[in-house]
Amino acid sequence: MIRTLEIRGLVVIEQAELELGDGLTVITGETGAGKTVLTNALALLAGGPVDAGMVRPGHQQALVQATLSVPEGFWTDLDEDDPAIALRELVDDASEFTVTRRIP
């Protein structure tokens, strides 16, 4: 589950920080408010393609960062051939970790 999402210098967003609660979160707003940029930010965190044109004019880079929480037993329930097993070695806290992507 995504706990926090931070975006800096991405397309039309100068800086945004969202704290998300348990359950379903719905983002609404007028045209041009940045809803699509939020979905693009999530796609970037999931390994989506990068385009230097996504960096907001006047910024040297864009940053997208999310703090994720995982349920108890998440790591032990993975199959040994699951690629996510390698991530277990990188996290300090087995219940929560942060994923960051920078676009130069």
PDB file of N, CA and C in Angstrom:
ATOM      1  N   MET A   1       0.844  -1.163   0.000  1.00  0.00           N
ATOM      2  CA  MET A   1       0.000   0.000   0.000  1.00  0.00           C
ATOM      3  C   MET A   1       0.897   1.235   0.000  1.00  0.00           C
ATOM      4  N   ILE A   2       0.523   2.227  -0.794  1.00  0.00           N
ATOM      5  CA  ILE A   2       1.275   3.473  -0.833  1.00  0.00           C
ATOM      6  C   ILE A   2       0.863   4.325   0.370  1.00  0.00           C
ATOM      7  N   ARG A   3       1.828   4.708   1.178  1.00  0.00           N
ATOM      8  CA  ARG A   3       1.575   5.551   2.342  1.00  0.00           C
ATOM      9  C   ARG A   3       1.776   7.023   2.010  1.00  0.00           C
ATOM     10  N   THR A   4       2.884   7.331   1.318  1.00  0.00           N
ATOM     11  CA  THR A   4       3.151   8.711   0.927  1.00  0.00           C
ATOM     12  C   THR A   4       3.650   8.733  -0.507  1.00  0.00           C
ATOM     13  N   LEU A   5       3.368   9.821  -1.188  1.00  0.00           N
ATOM     14  CA  LEU A   5       3.856  10.033  -2.547  1.00  0.00           C
ATOM     15  C   LEU A   5       4.384  11.456  -2.613  1.00  0.00           C
ATOM     16  N   GLU A   6       5.615  11.601  -3.062  1.00  0.00           N
ATOM     17  CA  GLU A   6       6.242  12.916  -3.185  1.00  0.00           C
ATOM     18  C   GLU A   6       6.669  13.110  -4.631  1.00  0.00           C
ATOM     19  N   ILE A   7       6.333  14.278  -5.177  1.00  0.00           N
ATOM     20  CA  ILE A   7       6.683  14.604  -6.553  1.00  0.00           C
ATOM     21  C   ILE A   7       7.308  15.989  -6.558  1.00  0.00           C
ATOM     22  N   ARG A   8       8.435  16.109  -7.243  1.00  0.00           N
ATOM     23  CA  ARG A   8       9.094  17.419  -7.369  1.00  0.00           C
ATOM     24  C   ARG A   8       9.543  17.599  -8.822  1.00  0.00           C
ATOM     25  N   GLY A   9       9.175  18.734  -9.398  1.00  0.00           N
ATOM     26  CA  GLY A   9       9.663  19.100 -10.722  1.00  0.00           C
ATOM     27  C   GLY A   9       9.223  18.199 -11.848  1.00  0.00           C
ATOM     28  N   LEU A  10       8.050  17.623 -11.753  1.00  0.00           N
ATOM     29  CA  LEU A  10       7.549  16.723 -12.791  1.00  0.00           C
ATOM     30  C   LEU A  10       6.431  17.410 -13.559  1.00  0.00           C
ATOM     31  N   VAL A  11       6.655  17.690 -14.813  1.00  0.00           N
ATOM     32  CA  VAL A  11       5.722  18.333 -15.743  1.00  0.00           C
ATOM     33  C   VAL A  11       5.165  19.619 -15.127  1.00  0.00           C
ATOM     34  N   VAL A  12       3.908  19.633 -14.702  1.00  0.00           N
ATOM     35  CA  VAL A  12       3.293  20.855 -14.171  1.00  0.00           C
ATOM     36  C   VAL A  12       3.376  20.948 -12.650  1.00  0.00           C
ATOM     37  N   ILE A  13       3.920  19.917 -12.006  1.00  0.00           N
ATOM     38  CA  ILE A  13       3.961  19.904 -10.545  1.00  0.00           C
ATOM     39  C   ILE A  13       5.316  20.397 -10.056  1.00  0.00           C
ATOM     40  N   GLU A  14       5.297  21.528  -9.380  1.00  0.00           N
ATOM     41  CA  GLU A  14       6.505  22.073  -8.742  1.00  0.00           C
ATOM     42  C   GLU A  14       6.902  21.172  -7.575  1.00  0.00           C
ATOM     43  N   GLN A  15       5.964  20.975  -6.649  1.00  0.00           N
ATOM     44  CA  GLN A  15       6.176  20.094  -5.513  1.00  0.00           C
ATOM     45  C   GLN A  15       4.821  19.664  -4.969  1.00  0.00           C
ATOM     46  N   ALA A  16       4.681  18.376  -4.728  1.00  0.00           N
ATOM     47  CA  ALA A  16       3.448  17.845  -4.148  1.00  0.00           C
ATOM     48  C   ALA A  16       3.801  16.691  -3.222  1.00  0.00           C
ATOM     49  N   GLU A  17       3.128  16.639  -2.102  1.00  0.00           N
ATOM     50  CA  GLU A  17       3.286  15.537  -1.156  1.00  0.00           C
ATOM     51  C   GLU A  17       1.898  15.067  -0.750  1.00  0.00           C
ATOM     52  N   LEU A  18       1.662  13.792  -0.913  1.00  0.00           N
ATOM     53  CA  LEU A  18       0.377  13.204  -0.551  1.00  0.00           C
ATOM     54  C   LEU A  18       0.592  12.162   0.534  1.00  0.00           C
ATOM     55  N   GLU A  19      -0.228  12.208   1.559  1.00  0.00           N
ATOM     56  CA  GLU A  19      -0.259  11.160   2.570  1.00  0.00           C
ATOM     57  C   GLU A  19      -1.567  10.416   2.354  1.00  0.00           C
ATOM     58  N   LEU A  20      -1.457   9.132   2.068  1.00  0.00           N
ATOM     59  CA  LEU A  20      -2.637   8.337   1.756  1.00  0.00           C
ATOM     60  C   LEU A  20      -2.985   7.439   2.936  1.00  0.00           C
ATOM     61  N   GLY A  21      -4.258   7.337   3.221  1.00  0.00           N
ATOM     62  CA  GLY A  21      -4.718   6.496   4.314  1.00  0.00           C
ATOM     63  C   GLY A  21      -5.055   5.098   3.841  1.00  0.00           C
ATOM     64  N   ASP A  22      -5.546   4.300   4.753  1.00  0.00           N
ATOM     65  CA  ASP A  22      -5.978   2.945   4.416  1.00  0.00           C
ATOM     66  C   ASP A  22      -7.190   3.011   3.501  1.00  0.00           C
ATOM     67  N   GLY A  23      -7.349   2.007   2.690  1.00  0.00           N
ATOM     68  CA  GLY A  23      -8.520   1.926   1.825  1.00  0.00           C
ATOM     69  C   GLY A  23      -8.312   2.615   0.490  1.00  0.00           C
ATOM     70  N   LEU A  24      -9.411   2.850  -0.185  1.00  0.00           N
ATOM     71  CA  LEU A  24      -9.412   3.427  -1.523  1.00  0.00           C
ATOM     72  C   LEU A  24      -9.187   4.932  -1.469  1.00  0.00           C
ATOM     73  N   THR A  25      -8.314   5.406  -2.349  1.00  0.00           N
ATOM     74  CA  THR A  25      -8.102   6.842  -2.500  1.00  0.00           C
ATOM     75  C   THR A  25      -8.513   7.226  -3.912  1.00  0.00           C
ATOM     76  N   VAL A  26      -9.320   8.267  -4.026  1.00  0.00           N
ATOM     77  CA  VAL A  26      -9.775   8.757  -5.317  1.00  0.00           C
ATOM     78  C   VAL A  26      -9.257  10.174  -5.496  1.00  0.00           C
ATOM     79  N   ILE A  27      -8.648  10.429  -6.644  1.00  0.00           N
ATOM     80  CA  ILE A  27      -8.129  11.754  -6.965  1.00  0.00           C
ATOM     81  C   ILE A  27      -9.050  12.374  -8.010  1.00  0.00           C
ATOM     82  N   THR A  28      -9.596  13.531  -7.706  1.00  0.00           N
ATOM     83  CA  THR A  28     -10.456  14.242  -8.656  1.00  0.00           C
ATOM     84  C   THR A  28      -9.948  15.667  -8.808  1.00  0.00           C
ATOM     85  N   GLY A  29     -10.384  16.322  -9.859  1.00  0.00           N
ATOM     86  CA  GLY A  29      -9.982  17.714 -10.062  1.00  0.00           C
ATOM     87  C   GLY A  29     -10.302  18.163 -11.467  1.00  0.00           C
ATOM     88  N   GLU A  30     -10.153  19.442 -11.676  1.00  0.00           N
ATOM     89  CA  GLU A  30     -10.439  20.022 -12.976  1.00  0.00           C
ATOM     90  C   GLU A  30      -9.342  19.663 -13.977  1.00  0.00           C
ATOM     91  N   THR A  31      -9.654  19.881 -15.243  1.00  0.00           N
ATOM     92  CA  THR A  31      -8.679  19.675 -16.299  1.00  0.00           C
ATOM     93  C   THR A  31      -7.453  20.542 -16.030  1.00  0.00           C
ATOM     94  N   GLY A  32      -6.275  19.925 -16.145  1.00  0.00           N
ATOM     95  CA  GLY A  32      -5.035  20.652 -15.928  1.00  0.00           C
ATOM     96  C   GLY A  32      -4.567  20.686 -14.489  1.00  0.00           C
ATOM     97  N   ALA A  33      -5.288  20.009 -13.600  1.00  0.00           N
ATOM     98  CA  ALA A  33      -4.930  20.038 -12.182  1.00  0.00           C
ATOM     99  C   ALA A  33      -3.743  19.128 -11.851  1.00  0.00           C
ATOM    100  N   GLY A  34      -3.409  18.190 -12.746  1.00  0.00           N
ATOM    101  CA  GLY A  34      -2.264  17.314 -12.517  1.00  0.00           C
ATOM    102  C   GLY A  34      -2.592  15.861 -12.231  1.00  0.00           C
ATOM    103  N   LYS A  35      -3.833  15.441 -12.446  1.00  0.00           N
ATOM    104  CA  LYS A  35      -4.218  14.050 -12.176  1.00  0.00           C
ATOM    105  C   LYS A  35      -3.408  13.076 -13.025  1.00  0.00           C
ATOM    106  N   THR A  36      -3.230  13.388 -14.295  1.00  0.00           N
ATOM    107  CA  THR A  36      -2.466  12.510 -15.174  1.00  0.00           C
ATOM    108  C   THR A  36      -1.003  12.481 -14.763  1.00  0.00           C
ATOM    109  N   VAL A  37      -0.475  13.588 -14.275  1.00  0.00           N
ATOM    110  CA  VAL A  37       0.909  13.614 -13.802  1.00  0.00           C
ATOM    111  C   VAL A  37       1.069  12.668 -12.611  1.00  0.00           C
ATOM    112  N   LEU A  38       0.057  12.597 -11.752  1.00  0.00           N
ATOM    113  CA  LEU A  38       0.114  11.654 -10.633  1.00  0.00           C
ATOM    114  C   LEU A  38       0.187  10.213 -11.127  1.00  0.00           C
ATOM    115  N   THR A  39      -0.612   9.886 -12.117  1.00  0.00           N
ATOM    116  CA  THR A  39      -0.566   8.521 -12.647  1.00  0.00           C
ATOM    117  C   THR A  39       0.763   8.264 -13.360  1.00  0.00           C
ATOM    118  N   ASN A  40       1.305   9.274 -14.041  1.00  0.00           N
ATOM    119  CA  ASN A  40       2.616   9.127 -14.667  1.00  0.00           C
ATOM    120  C   ASN A  40       3.696   8.905 -13.610  1.00  0.00           C
ATOM    121  N   ALA A  41       3.585   9.599 -12.487  1.00  0.00           N
ATOM    122  CA  ALA A  41       4.546   9.431 -11.395  1.00  0.00           C
ATOM    123  C   ALA A  41       4.520   7.996 -10.877  1.00  0.00           C
ATOM    124  N   LEU A  42       3.328   7.442 -10.717  1.00  0.00           N
ATOM    125  CA  LEU A  42       3.219   6.056 -10.266  1.00  0.00           C
ATOM    126  C   LEU A  42       3.806   5.098 -11.294  1.00  0.00           C
ATOM    127  N   ALA A  43       3.580   5.384 -12.573  1.00  0.00           N
ATOM    128  CA  ALA A  43       4.147   4.553 -13.635  1.00  0.00           C
ATOM    129  C   ALA A  43       5.673   4.603 -13.606  1.00  0.00           C
ATOM    130  N   LEU A  44       6.238   5.779 -13.345  1.00  0.00           N
ATOM    131  CA  LEU A  44       7.694   5.903 -13.243  1.00  0.00           C
ATOM    132  C   LEU A  44       8.237   5.047 -12.109  1.00  0.00           C
ATOM    133  N   LEU A  45       7.540   5.042 -10.973  1.00  0.00           N
ATOM    134  CA  LEU A  45       7.980   4.229  -9.838  1.00  0.00           C
ATOM    135  C   LEU A  45       7.904   2.738 -10.143  1.00  0.00           C
ATOM    136  N   ALA A  46       7.006   2.378 -11.043  1.00  0.00           N
ATOM    137  CA  ALA A  46       6.852   0.975 -11.420  1.00  0.00           C
ATOM    138  C   ALA A  46       7.802   0.580 -12.552  1.00  0.00           C
ATOM    139  N   GLY A  47       8.682   1.511 -12.961  1.00  0.00           N
ATOM    140  CA  GLY A  47       9.655   1.194 -13.999  1.00  0.00           C
ATOM    141  C   GLY A  47       9.280   1.665 -15.386  1.00  0.00           C
ATOM    142  N   GLY A  48       8.271   2.532 -15.479  1.00  0.00           N
ATOM    143  CA  GLY A  48       7.837   3.046 -16.769  1.00  0.00           C
ATOM    144  C   GLY A  48       8.915   3.850 -17.470  1.00  0.00           C
ATOM    145  N   PRO A  49       8.726   4.084 -18.771  1.00  0.00           N
ATOM    146  CA  PRO A  49       9.738   4.799 -19.548  1.00  0.00           C
ATOM    147  C   PRO A  49       9.899   6.249 -19.111  1.00  0.00           C
ATOM    148  N   VAL A  50      11.121   6.742 -19.247  1.00  0.00           N
ATOM    149  CA  VAL A  50      11.473   8.107 -18.863  1.00  0.00           C
ATOM    150  C   VAL A  50      11.662   8.946 -20.119  1.00  0.00           C
ATOM    151  N   ASP A  51      11.195  10.173 -20.044  1.00  0.00           N
ATOM    152  CA  ASP A  51      11.376  11.150 -21.116  1.00  0.00           C
ATOM    153  C   ASP A  51      11.873  12.427 -20.453  1.00  0.00           C
ATOM    154  N   ALA A  52      13.000  12.963 -20.929  1.00  0.00           N
ATOM    155  CA  ALA A  52      13.561  14.171 -20.322  1.00  0.00           C
ATOM    156  C   ALA A  52      12.580  15.333 -20.390  1.00  0.00           C
ATOM    157  N   GLY A  53      11.615  15.284 -21.300  1.00  0.00           N
ATOM    158  CA  GLY A  53      10.601  16.323 -21.400  1.00  0.00           C
ATOM    159  C   GLY A  53       9.645  16.331 -20.219  1.00  0.00           C
ATOM    160  N   MET A  54       9.737  15.329 -19.359  1.00  0.00           N
ATOM    161  CA  MET A  54       8.884  15.265 -18.176  1.00  0.00           C
ATOM    162  C   MET A  54       9.385  16.180 -17.063  1.00  0.00           C
ATOM    163  N   VAL A  55      10.642  16.625 -17.171  1.00  0.00           N
ATOM    164  CA  VAL A  55      11.208  17.500 -16.150  1.00  0.00           C
ATOM    165  C   VAL A  55      10.640  18.900 -16.334  1.00  0.00           C
ATOM    166  N   ARG A  56      10.130  19.453 -15.264  1.00  0.00           N
ATOM    167  CA  ARG A  56       9.519  20.779 -15.281  1.00  0.00           C
ATOM    168  C   ARG A  56      10.543  21.830 -15.713  1.00  0.00           C
ATOM    169  N   PRO A  57      10.167  22.748 -16.603  1.00  0.00           N
ATOM    170  CA  PRO A  57      11.095  23.809 -17.013  1.00  0.00           C
ATOM    171  C   PRO A  57      11.643  24.556 -15.791  1.00  0.00           C
ATOM    172  N   GLY A  58      12.949  24.803 -15.814  1.00  0.00           N
ATOM    173  CA  GLY A  58      13.602  25.476 -14.704  1.00  0.00           C
ATOM    174  C   GLY A  58      14.183  24.525 -13.676  1.00  0.00           C
ATOM    175  N   HIS A  59      13.911  23.232 -13.815  1.00  0.00           N
ATOM    176  CA  HIS A  59      14.442  22.222 -12.899  1.00  0.00           C
ATOM    177  C   HIS A  59      15.500  21.396 -13.616  1.00  0.00           C
ATOM    178  N   GLN A  60      16.528  20.996 -12.889  1.00  0.00           N
ATOM    179  CA  GLN A  60      17.556  20.138 -13.470  1.00  0.00           C
ATOM    180  C   GLN A  60      17.153  18.675 -13.449  1.00  0.00           C
ATOM    181  N   GLN A  61      16.224  18.339 -12.568  1.00  0.00           N
ATOM    182  CA  GLN A  61      15.769  16.957 -12.476  1.00  0.00           C
ATOM    183  C   GLN A  61      14.369  16.914 -11.876  1.00  0.00           C
ATOM    184  N   ALA A  62      13.724  15.784 -12.063  1.00  0.00           N
ATOM    185  CA  ALA A  62      12.437  15.529 -11.419  1.00  0.00           C
ATOM    186  C   ALA A  62      12.643  14.378 -10.433  1.00  0.00           C
ATOM    187  N   LEU A  63      11.845  14.365  -9.391  1.00  0.00           N
ATOM    188  CA  LEU A  63      11.920  13.324  -8.371  1.00  0.00           C
ATOM    189  C   LEU A  63      10.528  12.796  -8.106  1.00  0.00           C
ATOM    190  N   VAL A  64      10.434  11.485  -8.056  1.00  0.00           N
ATOM    191  CA  VAL A  64       9.200  10.820  -7.645  1.00  0.00           C
ATOM    192  C   VAL A  64       9.605   9.813  -6.571  1.00  0.00           C
ATOM    193  N   GLN A  65       8.921   9.864  -5.436  1.00  0.00           N
ATOM    194  CA  GLN A  65       9.277   8.995  -4.318  1.00  0.00           C
ATOM    195  C   GLN A  65       8.012   8.540  -3.607  1.00  0.00           C
ATOM    196  N   ALA A  66       7.967   7.275  -3.254  1.00  0.00           N
ATOM    197  CA  ALA A  66       6.816   6.747  -2.521  1.00  0.00           C
ATOM    198  C   ALA A  66       7.297   5.871  -1.377  1.00  0.00           C
ATOM    199  N   THR A  67       6.607   5.982  -0.257  1.00  0.00           N
ATOM    200  CA  THR A  67       6.836   5.076   0.862  1.00  0.00           C
ATOM    201  C   THR A  67       5.731   4.037   0.818  1.00  0.00           C
ATOM    202  N   LEU A  68       6.131   2.787   0.796  1.00  0.00           N
ATOM    203  CA  LEU A  68       5.198   1.672   0.681  1.00  0.00           C
ATOM    204  C   LEU A  68       5.217   0.842   1.952  1.00  0.00           C
ATOM    205  N   SER A  69       4.057   0.391   2.354  1.00  0.00           N
ATOM    206  CA  SER A  69       3.996  -0.548   3.473  1.00  0.00           C
ATOM    207  C   SER A  69       3.521  -1.888   2.922  1.00  0.00           C
ATOM    208  N   VAL A  70       4.051  -2.941   3.487  1.00  0.00           N
ATOM    209  CA  VAL A  70       3.675  -4.286   3.047  1.00  0.00           C
ATOM    210  C   VAL A  70       3.105  -5.048   4.238  1.00  0.00           C
ATOM    211  N   PRO A  71       2.176  -5.938   3.976  1.00  0.00           N
ATOM    212  CA  PRO A  71       1.555  -6.673   5.083  1.00  0.00           C
ATOM    213  C   PRO A  71       2.525  -7.666   5.727  1.00  0.00           C
ATOM    214  N   GLU A  72       2.244  -7.986   6.955  1.00  0.00           N
ATOM    215  CA  GLU A  72       3.045  -8.976   7.666  1.00  0.00           C
ATOM    216  C   GLU A  72       3.044 -10.276   6.873  1.00  0.00           C
ATOM    217  N   GLY A  73       4.202 -10.873   6.747  1.00  0.00           N
ATOM    218  CA  GLY A  73       4.331 -12.131   6.007  1.00  0.00           C
ATOM    219  C   GLY A  73       4.569 -11.954   4.519  1.00  0.00           C
ATOM    220  N   PHE A  74       4.604 -10.722   4.033  1.00  0.00           N
ATOM    221  CA  PHE A  74       4.788 -10.473   2.601  1.00  0.00           C
ATOM    222  C   PHE A  74       6.046 -11.144   2.073  1.00  0.00           C
ATOM    223  N   TRP A  75       7.167 -10.943   2.753  1.00  0.00           N
ATOM    224  CA  TRP A  75       8.440 -11.455   2.260  1.00  0.00           C
ATOM    225  C   TRP A  75       8.513 -12.974   2.358  1.00  0.00           C
ATOM    226  N   THR A  76       7.954 -13.555   3.401  1.00  0.00           N
ATOM    227  CA  THR A  76       8.033 -15.005   3.570  1.00  0.00           C
ATOM    228  C   THR A  76       7.065 -15.739   2.648  1.00  0.00           C
ATOM    229  N   ASP A  77       6.031 -15.042   2.171  1.00  0.00           N
ATOM    230  CA  ASP A  77       5.056 -15.676   1.286  1.00  0.00           C
ATOM    231  C   ASP A  77       5.502 -15.696  -0.175  1.00  0.00           C
ATOM    232  N   LEU A  78       6.598 -15.011  -0.501  1.00  0.00           N
ATOM    233  CA  LEU A  78       7.086 -14.983  -1.883  1.00  0.00           C
ATOM    234  C   LEU A  78       7.746 -16.307  -2.247  1.00  0.00           C
ATOM    235  N   ASP A  79       7.585 -16.716  -3.484  1.00  0.00           N
ATOM    236  CA  ASP A  79       8.295 -17.897  -3.973  1.00  0.00           C
ATOM    237  C   ASP A  79       9.771 -17.557  -4.105  1.00  0.00           C
ATOM    238  N   GLU A  80      10.626 -18.549  -3.939  1.00  0.00           N
ATOM    239  CA  GLU A  80      12.076 -18.304  -4.002  1.00  0.00           C
ATOM    240  C   GLU A  80      12.531 -17.805  -5.376  1.00  0.00           C
ATOM    241  N   ASP A  81      11.764 -18.078  -6.441  1.00  0.00           N
ATOM    242  CA  ASP A  81      12.155 -17.610  -7.774  1.00  0.00           C
ATOM    243  C   ASP A  81      11.506 -16.268  -8.127  1.00  0.00           C
ATOM    244  N   ASP A  82      10.768 -15.672  -7.194  1.00  0.00           N
ATOM    245  CA  ASP A  82      10.143 -14.365  -7.422  1.00  0.00           C
ATOM    246  C   ASP A  82      11.230 -13.286  -7.405  1.00  0.00           C
ATOM    247  N   PRO A  83      11.267 -12.400  -8.425  1.00  0.00           N
ATOM    248  CA  PRO A  83      12.292 -11.355  -8.471  1.00  0.00           C
ATOM    249  C   PRO A  83      12.251 -10.410  -7.270  1.00  0.00           C
ATOM    250  N   ALA A  84      11.114 -10.295  -6.598  1.00  0.00           N
ATOM    251  CA  ALA A  84      11.000  -9.409  -5.436  1.00  0.00           C
ATOM    252  C   ALA A  84      11.844  -9.893  -4.261  1.00  0.00           C
ATOM    253  N   ILE A  85      12.238 -11.150  -4.273  1.00  0.00           N
ATOM    254  CA  ILE A  85      13.078 -11.693  -3.204  1.00  0.00           C
ATOM    255  C   ILE A  85      14.356 -10.866  -3.068  1.00  0.00           C
ATOM    256  N   ALA A  86      14.916 -10.411  -4.198  1.00  0.00           N
ATOM    257  CA  ALA A  86      16.156  -9.630  -4.172  1.00  0.00           C
ATOM    258  C   ALA A  86      15.956  -8.316  -3.411  1.00  0.00           C
ATOM    259  N   LEU A  87      14.754  -7.760  -3.420  1.00  0.00           N
ATOM    260  CA  LEU A  87      14.476  -6.517  -2.710  1.00  0.00           C
ATOM    261  C   LEU A  87      14.562  -6.691  -1.200  1.00  0.00           C
ATOM    262  N   ARG A  88      14.263  -7.872  -0.735  1.00  0.00           N
ATOM    263  CA  ARG A  88      14.284  -8.135   0.707  1.00  0.00           C
ATOM    264  C   ARG A  88      15.652  -7.814   1.306  1.00  0.00           C
ATOM    265  N   GLU A  89      16.698  -8.031   0.534  1.00  0.00           N
ATOM    266  CA  GLU A  89      18.057  -7.760   1.001  1.00  0.00           C
ATOM    267  C   GLU A  89      18.334  -6.261   1.141  1.00  0.00           C
ATOM    268  N   LEU A  90      17.557  -5.418   0.449  1.00  0.00           N
ATOM    269  CA  LEU A  90      17.819  -3.982   0.401  1.00  0.00           C
ATOM    270  C   LEU A  90      17.055  -3.165   1.434  1.00  0.00           C
ATOM    271  N   VAL A  91      16.055  -3.757   2.073  1.00  0.00           N
ATOM    272  CA  VAL A  91      15.221  -2.980   2.989  1.00  0.00           C
ATOM    273  C   VAL A  91      15.684  -3.146   4.431  1.00  0.00           C
ATOM    274  N   ASP A  92      15.630  -2.030   5.170  1.00  0.00           N
ATOM    275  CA  ASP A  92      15.986  -2.064   6.588  1.00  0.00           C
ATOM    276  C   ASP A  92      14.803  -2.490   7.443  1.00  0.00           C
ATOM    277  N   ASP A  93      13.615  -2.062   7.031  1.00  0.00           N
ATOM    278  CA  ASP A  93      12.392  -2.348   7.765  1.00  0.00           C
ATOM    279  C   ASP A  93      11.513  -3.223   6.872  1.00  0.00           C
ATOM    280  N   ALA A  94      11.253  -4.432   7.294  1.00  0.00           N
ATOM    281  CA  ALA A  94      10.511  -5.381   6.463  1.00  0.00           C
ATOM    282  C   ALA A  94       9.055  -4.977   6.250  1.00  0.00           C
ATOM    283  N   SER A  95       8.562  -4.009   7.027  1.00  0.00           N
ATOM    284  CA  SER A  95       7.156  -3.628   6.894  1.00  0.00           C
ATOM    285  C   SER A  95       6.956  -2.370   6.054  1.00  0.00           C
ATOM    286  N   GLU A  96       8.046  -1.634   5.781  1.00  0.00           N
ATOM    287  CA  GLU A  96       7.910  -0.384   5.055  1.00  0.00           C
ATOM    288  C   GLU A  96       9.222  -0.059   4.339  1.00  0.00           C
ATOM    289  N   PHE A  97       9.119   0.445   3.096  1.00  0.00           N
ATOM    290  CA  PHE A  97      10.320   0.854   2.380  1.00  0.00           C
ATOM    291  C   PHE A  97       9.973   1.977   1.414  1.00  0.00           C
ATOM    292  N   THR A  98      11.011   2.655   0.917  1.00  0.00           N
ATOM    293  CA  THR A  98      10.834   3.791   0.044  1.00  0.00           C
ATOM    294  C   THR A  98      11.423   3.489  -1.329  1.00  0.00           C
ATOM    295  N   VAL A  99      10.686   3.860  -2.352  1.00  0.00           N
ATOM    296  CA  VAL A  99      11.121   3.705  -3.737  1.00  0.00           C
ATOM    297  C   VAL A  99      11.278   5.115  -4.319  1.00  0.00           C
ATOM    298  N   THR A 100      12.411   5.365  -4.971  1.00  0.00           N
ATOM    299  CA  THR A 100      12.695   6.697  -5.513  1.00  0.00           C
ATOM    300  C   THR A 100      13.140   6.572  -6.956  1.00  0.00           C
ATOM    301  N   ARG A 101      12.713   7.531  -7.765  1.00  0.00           N
ATOM    302  CA  ARG A 101      13.167   7.609  -9.143  1.00  0.00           C
ATOM    303  C   ARG A 101      13.450   9.074  -9.467  1.00  0.00           C
ATOM    304  N   ARG A 102      14.629   9.308 -10.031  1.00  0.00           N
ATOM    305  CA  ARG A 102      15.022  10.655 -10.453  1.00  0.00           C
ATOM    306  C   ARG A 102      15.119  10.676 -11.971  1.00  0.00           C
ATOM    307  N   ILE A 103      14.692  11.779 -12.546  1.00  0.00           N
ATOM    308  CA  ILE A 103      14.797  11.961 -13.997  1.00  0.00           C
ATOM    309  C   ILE A 103      15.721  13.147 -14.238  1.00  0.00           C
ATOM    310  N   PRO A 104      16.892  12.913 -14.847  1.00  0.00           N
ATOM    311  CA  PRO A 104      17.811  14.018 -15.096  1.00  0.00           C
ATOM    312  C   PRO A 104      17.336  14.930 -16.236  1.00  0.00           C
TER     313      PRO A 104
END
